[in-house]
Amino acid sequence: MSAYQEKLDQMLSVWNTTDTAEQATLVESALEHNVHFVDPKNNIIGRSAFLDMVSVVQAEIPNARYSRASEIDVQNNFCRYHWAIHVQDKLLVRGFDTVEVNDAGKILKVIGFFGELNYT
């Protein structure tokens, strides 16, 4: 497993556990201290802000499961992949992320999009 894939999987695992000690360990391993995370509802910087955001979302959508729904495409320290959120096996939302990683695979920036693009 490549370093970037390991870090992306760790970031995803943060969303799937409510154990705060485990979340903190995963975040420290996967994210740079000044990680920038932006999606349609959030624009945060830093590990603590990331953990706070996850906590809020978990409270809003209890028992949600977050999964990667595609392979990871990589070029020049940028990754993209699709993800899905399910609640009790029912699809809640799909989306995709574009992620910048450093040479060690640690996550510098996440740009998340909800939904799918329509093709013309």
N, C-alpha and C. Protein backbone atom coordinates (compact mmCIF):
# COMPACT_ATOMS: atom_id res chain seq x y z
N MET A 1 0.86 -1.18 0.00
CA MET A 1 0.00 0.00 0.00
C MET A 1 0.90 1.24 0.00
N SER A 2 0.58 2.18 -0.85
CA SER A 2 1.38 3.41 -0.93
C SER A 2 1.09 4.31 0.27
N ALA A 3 2.01 5.22 0.55
CA ALA A 3 1.86 6.12 1.69
C ALA A 3 0.60 6.97 1.56
N TYR A 4 0.34 7.51 0.37
CA TYR A 4 -0.84 8.36 0.22
C TYR A 4 -2.13 7.56 0.43
N GLN A 5 -2.17 6.31 -0.05
CA GLN A 5 -3.38 5.50 0.13
C GLN A 5 -3.58 5.19 1.61
N GLU A 6 -2.51 4.88 2.32
CA GLU A 6 -2.62 4.62 3.75
C GLU A 6 -3.17 5.84 4.48
N LYS A 7 -2.67 7.02 4.15
CA LYS A 7 -3.13 8.25 4.81
C LYS A 7 -4.58 8.56 4.45
N LEU A 8 -4.95 8.37 3.20
CA LEU A 8 -6.35 8.59 2.80
C LEU A 8 -7.28 7.63 3.52
N ASP A 9 -6.87 6.37 3.65
CA ASP A 9 -7.68 5.39 4.37
C ASP A 9 -7.80 5.75 5.85
N GLN A 10 -6.71 6.27 6.44
CA GLN A 10 -6.75 6.69 7.84
C GLN A 10 -7.71 7.87 8.01
N MET A 11 -7.68 8.84 7.08
CA MET A 11 -8.59 9.97 7.17
C MET A 11 -10.04 9.49 7.10
N LEU A 12 -10.32 8.56 6.22
CA LEU A 12 -11.67 8.02 6.09
C LEU A 12 -12.08 7.29 7.38
N SER A 13 -11.15 6.59 7.98
CA SER A 13 -11.43 5.86 9.22
C SER A 13 -11.83 6.78 10.37
N VAL A 14 -11.35 8.02 10.35
CA VAL A 14 -11.72 8.98 11.39
C VAL A 14 -13.23 9.16 11.42
N TRP A 15 -13.85 9.20 10.24
CA TRP A 15 -15.30 9.41 10.15
C TRP A 15 -16.08 8.20 10.66
N ASN A 16 -15.44 7.03 10.68
CA ASN A 16 -16.15 5.79 11.01
C ASN A 16 -15.93 5.30 12.44
N THR A 17 -15.32 6.11 13.27
CA THR A 17 -15.17 5.76 14.67
C THR A 17 -15.60 6.94 15.53
N THR A 18 -16.16 6.64 16.67
CA THR A 18 -16.51 7.70 17.62
C THR A 18 -15.55 7.71 18.81
N ASP A 19 -14.56 6.84 18.79
CA ASP A 19 -13.54 6.79 19.83
C ASP A 19 -12.59 7.98 19.63
N THR A 20 -12.67 8.95 20.52
CA THR A 20 -11.90 10.19 20.33
C THR A 20 -10.39 9.97 20.36
N ALA A 21 -9.93 9.02 21.16
CA ALA A 21 -8.49 8.74 21.19
C ALA A 21 -8.04 8.15 19.86
N GLU A 22 -8.84 7.24 19.31
CA GLU A 22 -8.52 6.65 18.00
C GLU A 22 -8.56 7.71 16.91
N GLN A 23 -9.57 8.57 16.95
CA GLN A 23 -9.65 9.66 15.97
C GLN A 23 -8.40 10.53 16.02
N ALA A 24 -7.98 10.92 17.21
CA ALA A 24 -6.81 11.78 17.36
C ALA A 24 -5.55 11.11 16.81
N THR A 25 -5.40 9.82 17.08
CA THR A 25 -4.24 9.08 16.57
C THR A 25 -4.25 9.04 15.05
N LEU A 26 -5.41 8.75 14.47
CA LEU A 26 -5.52 8.69 13.01
C LEU A 26 -5.24 10.04 12.38
N VAL A 27 -5.79 11.09 12.96
CA VAL A 27 -5.61 12.45 12.41
C VAL A 27 -4.14 12.85 12.47
N GLU A 28 -3.49 12.57 13.58
CA GLU A 28 -2.08 12.93 13.70
C GLU A 28 -1.23 12.18 12.68
N SER A 29 -1.57 10.95 12.42
CA SER A 29 -0.82 10.15 11.45
C SER A 29 -1.08 10.57 10.01
N ALA A 30 -2.34 10.92 9.70
CA ALA A 30 -2.74 11.14 8.30
C ALA A 30 -2.65 12.58 7.83
N LEU A 31 -2.90 13.54 8.73
CA LEU A 31 -3.05 14.94 8.32
C LEU A 31 -1.89 15.80 8.81
N GLU A 32 -1.45 16.70 7.97
CA GLU A 32 -0.49 17.70 8.41
C GLU A 32 -1.15 18.60 9.45
N HIS A 33 -0.37 19.20 10.31
CA HIS A 33 -0.91 20.02 11.41
C HIS A 33 -1.78 21.16 10.89
N ASN A 34 -1.48 21.67 9.72
CA ASN A 34 -2.23 22.81 9.15
C ASN A 34 -3.10 22.39 7.97
N VAL A 35 -3.61 21.16 8.01
CA VAL A 35 -4.45 20.66 6.93
C VAL A 35 -5.59 21.66 6.65
N HIS A 36 -5.91 21.82 5.38
CA HIS A 36 -7.03 22.68 4.97
C HIS A 36 -8.08 21.76 4.38
N PHE A 37 -9.28 21.79 4.94
CA PHE A 37 -10.40 20.94 4.49
C PHE A 37 -11.54 21.85 4.10
N VAL A 38 -12.01 21.69 2.89
CA VAL A 38 -13.12 22.52 2.41
C VAL A 38 -14.11 21.64 1.65
N ASP A 39 -15.38 21.84 1.95
CA ASP A 39 -16.47 21.21 1.21
C ASP A 39 -17.64 22.19 1.22
N PRO A 40 -18.78 21.85 0.66
CA PRO A 40 -19.88 22.83 0.61
C PRO A 40 -20.35 23.36 1.97
N LYS A 41 -20.05 22.65 3.05
CA LYS A 41 -20.51 23.09 4.37
C LYS A 41 -19.38 23.55 5.30
N ASN A 42 -18.14 23.30 4.94
CA ASN A 42 -17.01 23.55 5.84
C ASN A 42 -15.85 24.19 5.11
N ASN A 43 -15.10 24.97 5.86
CA ASN A 43 -13.83 25.53 5.38
C ASN A 43 -12.97 25.71 6.63
N ILE A 44 -12.19 24.68 6.93
CA ILE A 44 -11.45 24.68 8.19
C ILE A 44 -9.96 24.47 7.95
N ILE A 45 -9.17 24.86 8.94
CA ILE A 45 -7.73 24.67 8.88
C ILE A 45 -7.27 24.09 10.22
N GLY A 46 -6.50 23.02 10.16
CA GLY A 46 -5.89 22.43 11.34
C GLY A 46 -6.53 21.14 11.78
N ARG A 47 -5.73 20.34 12.48
CA ARG A 47 -6.20 19.03 12.96
C ARG A 47 -7.35 19.16 13.96
N SER A 48 -7.24 20.11 14.89
CA SER A 48 -8.30 20.27 15.90
C SER A 48 -9.61 20.64 15.25
N ALA A 49 -9.55 21.55 14.28
CA ALA A 49 -10.77 21.95 13.57
C ALA A 49 -11.34 20.77 12.80
N PHE A 50 -10.49 19.93 12.24
CA PHE A 50 -10.95 18.74 11.53
C PHE A 50 -11.70 17.81 12.49
N LEU A 51 -11.11 17.55 13.65
CA LEU A 51 -11.76 16.69 14.63
C LEU A 51 -13.09 17.28 15.10
N ASP A 52 -13.13 18.59 15.31
CA ASP A 52 -14.39 19.24 15.70
C ASP A 52 -15.45 19.07 14.62
N MET A 53 -15.04 19.24 13.36
CA MET A 53 -15.97 19.09 12.24
C MET A 53 -16.53 17.67 12.20
N VAL A 54 -15.67 16.68 12.34
CA VAL A 54 -16.12 15.28 12.32
C VAL A 54 -17.12 15.04 13.44
N SER A 55 -16.85 15.56 14.61
CA SER A 55 -17.76 15.39 15.75
C SER A 55 -19.14 15.98 15.46
N VAL A 56 -19.17 17.16 14.87
CA VAL A 56 -20.44 17.81 14.52
C VAL A 56 -21.20 16.98 13.50
N VAL A 57 -20.51 16.53 12.46
CA VAL A 57 -21.16 15.74 11.41
C VAL A 57 -21.67 14.41 11.96
N GLN A 58 -20.87 13.76 12.82
CA GLN A 58 -21.33 12.51 13.41
C GLN A 58 -22.58 12.70 14.26
N ALA A 59 -22.69 13.84 14.93
CA ALA A 59 -23.90 14.13 15.72
C ALA A 59 -25.09 14.39 14.80
N GLU A 60 -24.85 15.02 13.66
CA GLU A 60 -25.93 15.31 12.70
C GLU A 60 -26.39 14.06 11.96
N ILE A 61 -25.46 13.14 11.70
CA ILE A 61 -25.77 11.93 10.93
C ILE A 61 -25.25 10.72 11.71
N PRO A 62 -25.94 10.35 12.79
CA PRO A 62 -25.47 9.21 13.59
C PRO A 62 -25.51 7.91 12.80
N ASN A 63 -24.55 7.06 13.10
CA ASN A 63 -24.45 5.72 12.51
C ASN A 63 -24.14 5.73 11.01
N ALA A 64 -23.67 6.83 10.49
CA ALA A 64 -23.29 6.87 9.07
C ALA A 64 -21.98 6.11 8.86
N ARG A 65 -21.86 5.49 7.69
CA ARG A 65 -20.63 4.79 7.30
C ARG A 65 -20.09 5.47 6.06
N TYR A 66 -18.83 5.82 6.11
CA TYR A 66 -18.16 6.54 5.03
C TYR A 66 -17.22 5.56 4.33
N SER A 67 -17.29 5.52 3.01
CA SER A 67 -16.44 4.60 2.26
C SER A 67 -15.94 5.23 0.97
N ARG A 68 -14.79 4.76 0.55
CA ARG A 68 -14.29 5.17 -0.76
C ARG A 68 -15.04 4.33 -1.79
N ALA A 69 -15.51 4.96 -2.86
CA ALA A 69 -16.35 4.29 -3.86
C ALA A 69 -15.66 4.16 -5.21
N SER A 70 -14.34 4.37 -5.22
CA SER A 70 -13.58 4.23 -6.46
C SER A 70 -12.12 3.96 -6.12
N GLU A 71 -11.37 3.70 -7.14
CA GLU A 71 -9.92 3.65 -6.97
C GLU A 71 -9.42 5.08 -6.74
N ILE A 72 -8.17 5.20 -6.36
CA ILE A 72 -7.55 6.51 -6.18
C ILE A 72 -6.71 6.80 -7.41
N ASP A 73 -6.97 7.94 -8.03
CA ASP A 73 -6.20 8.40 -9.17
C ASP A 73 -5.19 9.43 -8.65
N VAL A 74 -3.91 9.27 -9.02
CA VAL A 74 -2.86 10.12 -8.47
C VAL A 74 -2.00 10.71 -9.58
N GLN A 75 -1.65 11.98 -9.40
CA GLN A 75 -0.64 12.60 -10.24
C GLN A 75 0.00 13.75 -9.47
N ASN A 76 1.31 13.80 -9.47
CA ASN A 76 2.05 14.93 -8.90
C ASN A 76 1.56 15.35 -7.52
N ASN A 77 1.42 14.41 -6.61
CA ASN A 77 0.99 14.67 -5.23
C ASN A 77 -0.45 15.14 -5.11
N PHE A 78 -1.26 14.90 -6.12
CA PHE A 78 -2.69 15.17 -6.05
C PHE A 78 -3.44 13.87 -6.28
N CYS A 79 -4.46 13.65 -5.47
CA CYS A 79 -5.27 12.43 -5.56
C CYS A 79 -6.72 12.82 -5.76
N ARG A 80 -7.45 11.96 -6.44
CA ARG A 80 -8.90 12.14 -6.54
C ARG A 80 -9.55 10.77 -6.45
N TYR A 81 -10.74 10.77 -5.85
CA TYR A 81 -11.48 9.53 -5.67
C TYR A 81 -12.93 9.88 -5.33
N HIS A 82 -13.81 8.93 -5.53
CA HIS A 82 -15.22 9.07 -5.17
C HIS A 82 -15.44 8.43 -3.81
N TRP A 83 -16.43 8.94 -3.10
CA TRP A 83 -16.79 8.40 -1.79
C TRP A 83 -18.31 8.32 -1.70
N ALA A 84 -18.76 7.60 -0.67
CA ALA A 84 -20.21 7.46 -0.43
C ALA A 84 -20.44 7.43 1.08
N ILE A 85 -21.62 7.92 1.47
CA ILE A 85 -22.05 7.85 2.85
C ILE A 85 -23.34 7.05 2.88
N HIS A 86 -23.34 6.01 3.71
CA HIS A 86 -24.52 5.15 3.87
C HIS A 86 -24.99 5.20 5.32
N VAL A 87 -26.28 5.11 5.50
CA VAL A 87 -26.88 4.93 6.83
C VAL A 87 -27.76 3.70 6.74
N GLN A 88 -27.44 2.69 7.54
CA GLN A 88 -28.18 1.42 7.52
C GLN A 88 -28.35 0.89 6.10
N ASP A 89 -27.26 0.81 5.38
CA ASP A 89 -27.21 0.29 4.01
C ASP A 89 -27.97 1.12 2.98
N LYS A 90 -28.46 2.28 3.36
CA LYS A 90 -29.13 3.17 2.42
C LYS A 90 -28.16 4.29 2.04
N LEU A 91 -27.99 4.49 0.74
CA LEU A 91 -27.11 5.55 0.27
C LEU A 91 -27.69 6.91 0.65
N LEU A 92 -26.89 7.70 1.34
CA LEU A 92 -27.31 9.04 1.74
C LEU A 92 -26.79 10.08 0.74
N VAL A 93 -25.52 10.00 0.42
CA VAL A 93 -24.92 10.95 -0.53
C VAL A 93 -23.64 10.36 -1.10
N ARG A 94 -23.36 10.74 -2.33
CA ARG A 94 -22.10 10.43 -2.99
C ARG A 94 -21.36 11.74 -3.21
N GLY A 95 -20.09 11.63 -3.46
CA GLY A 95 -19.31 12.81 -3.78
C GLY A 95 -17.91 12.41 -4.20
N PHE A 96 -17.05 13.41 -4.31
CA PHE A 96 -15.66 13.11 -4.62
C PHE A 96 -14.76 14.15 -3.97
N ASP A 97 -13.54 13.73 -3.72
CA ASP A 97 -12.52 14.59 -3.13
C ASP A 97 -11.34 14.71 -4.07
N THR A 98 -10.74 15.88 -4.04
CA THR A 98 -9.42 16.10 -4.62
C THR A 98 -8.53 16.45 -3.43
N VAL A 99 -7.42 15.74 -3.31
CA VAL A 99 -6.59 15.85 -2.12
C VAL A 99 -5.15 16.11 -2.53
N GLU A 100 -4.52 17.05 -1.84
CA GLU A 100 -3.09 17.28 -2.02
C GLU A 100 -2.34 16.63 -0.88
N VAL A 101 -1.32 15.85 -1.21
CA VAL A 101 -0.49 15.18 -0.21
C VAL A 101 0.95 15.63 -0.37
N ASN A 102 1.72 15.51 0.71
CA ASN A 102 3.15 15.81 0.59
C ASN A 102 3.89 14.56 0.12
N ASP A 103 5.20 14.64 0.01
CA ASP A 103 5.97 13.51 -0.51
C ASP A 103 5.90 12.28 0.39
N ALA A 104 5.58 12.47 1.66
CA ALA A 104 5.43 11.34 2.59
C ALA A 104 4.01 10.79 2.60
N GLY A 105 3.12 11.41 1.81
CA GLY A 105 1.74 10.94 1.72
C GLY A 105 0.79 11.62 2.69
N LYS A 106 1.32 12.47 3.59
CA LYS A 106 0.44 13.16 4.54
C LYS A 106 -0.43 14.17 3.83
N ILE A 107 -1.65 14.32 4.31
CA ILE A 107 -2.66 15.14 3.65
C ILE A 107 -2.49 16.61 4.02
N LEU A 108 -2.35 17.44 2.98
CA LEU A 108 -2.21 18.88 3.13
C LEU A 108 -3.53 19.61 2.93
N LYS A 109 -4.31 19.15 1.93
CA LYS A 109 -5.54 19.85 1.59
C LYS A 109 -6.55 18.86 1.01
N VAL A 110 -7.81 19.05 1.41
CA VAL A 110 -8.92 18.24 0.89
C VAL A 110 -9.96 19.20 0.34
N ILE A 111 -10.35 18.99 -0.90
CA ILE A 111 -11.44 19.75 -1.50
C ILE A 111 -12.52 18.73 -1.85
N GLY A 112 -13.62 18.79 -1.11
CA GLY A 112 -14.69 17.82 -1.27
C GLY A 112 -15.88 18.41 -1.98
N PHE A 113 -16.52 17.60 -2.80
CA PHE A 113 -17.72 17.98 -3.54
C PHE A 113 -18.81 16.97 -3.24
N PHE A 114 -20.04 17.45 -3.05
CA PHE A 114 -21.20 16.59 -2.83
C PHE A 114 -21.88 16.33 -4.16
N GLY A 115 -22.40 15.13 -4.33
CA GLY A 115 -23.13 14.80 -5.54
C GLY A 115 -22.21 14.43 -6.68
N GLU A 116 -22.83 14.21 -7.82
CA GLU A 116 -22.09 13.83 -9.03
C GLU A 116 -22.22 14.91 -10.07
N LEU A 117 -21.24 15.01 -10.92
CA LEU A 117 -21.31 15.96 -12.03
C LEU A 117 -22.26 15.44 -13.09
N ASN A 118 -22.98 16.34 -13.70
CA ASN A 118 -23.81 15.98 -14.84
C ASN A 118 -23.00 16.20 -16.11
N TYR A 119 -23.04 15.23 -16.99
CA TYR A 119 -22.31 15.34 -18.25
C TYR A 119 -23.22 15.90 -19.31
N THR A 120 -22.66 16.74 -20.16
CA THR A 120 -23.46 17.32 -21.23
C THR A 120 -23.18 16.65 -22.55
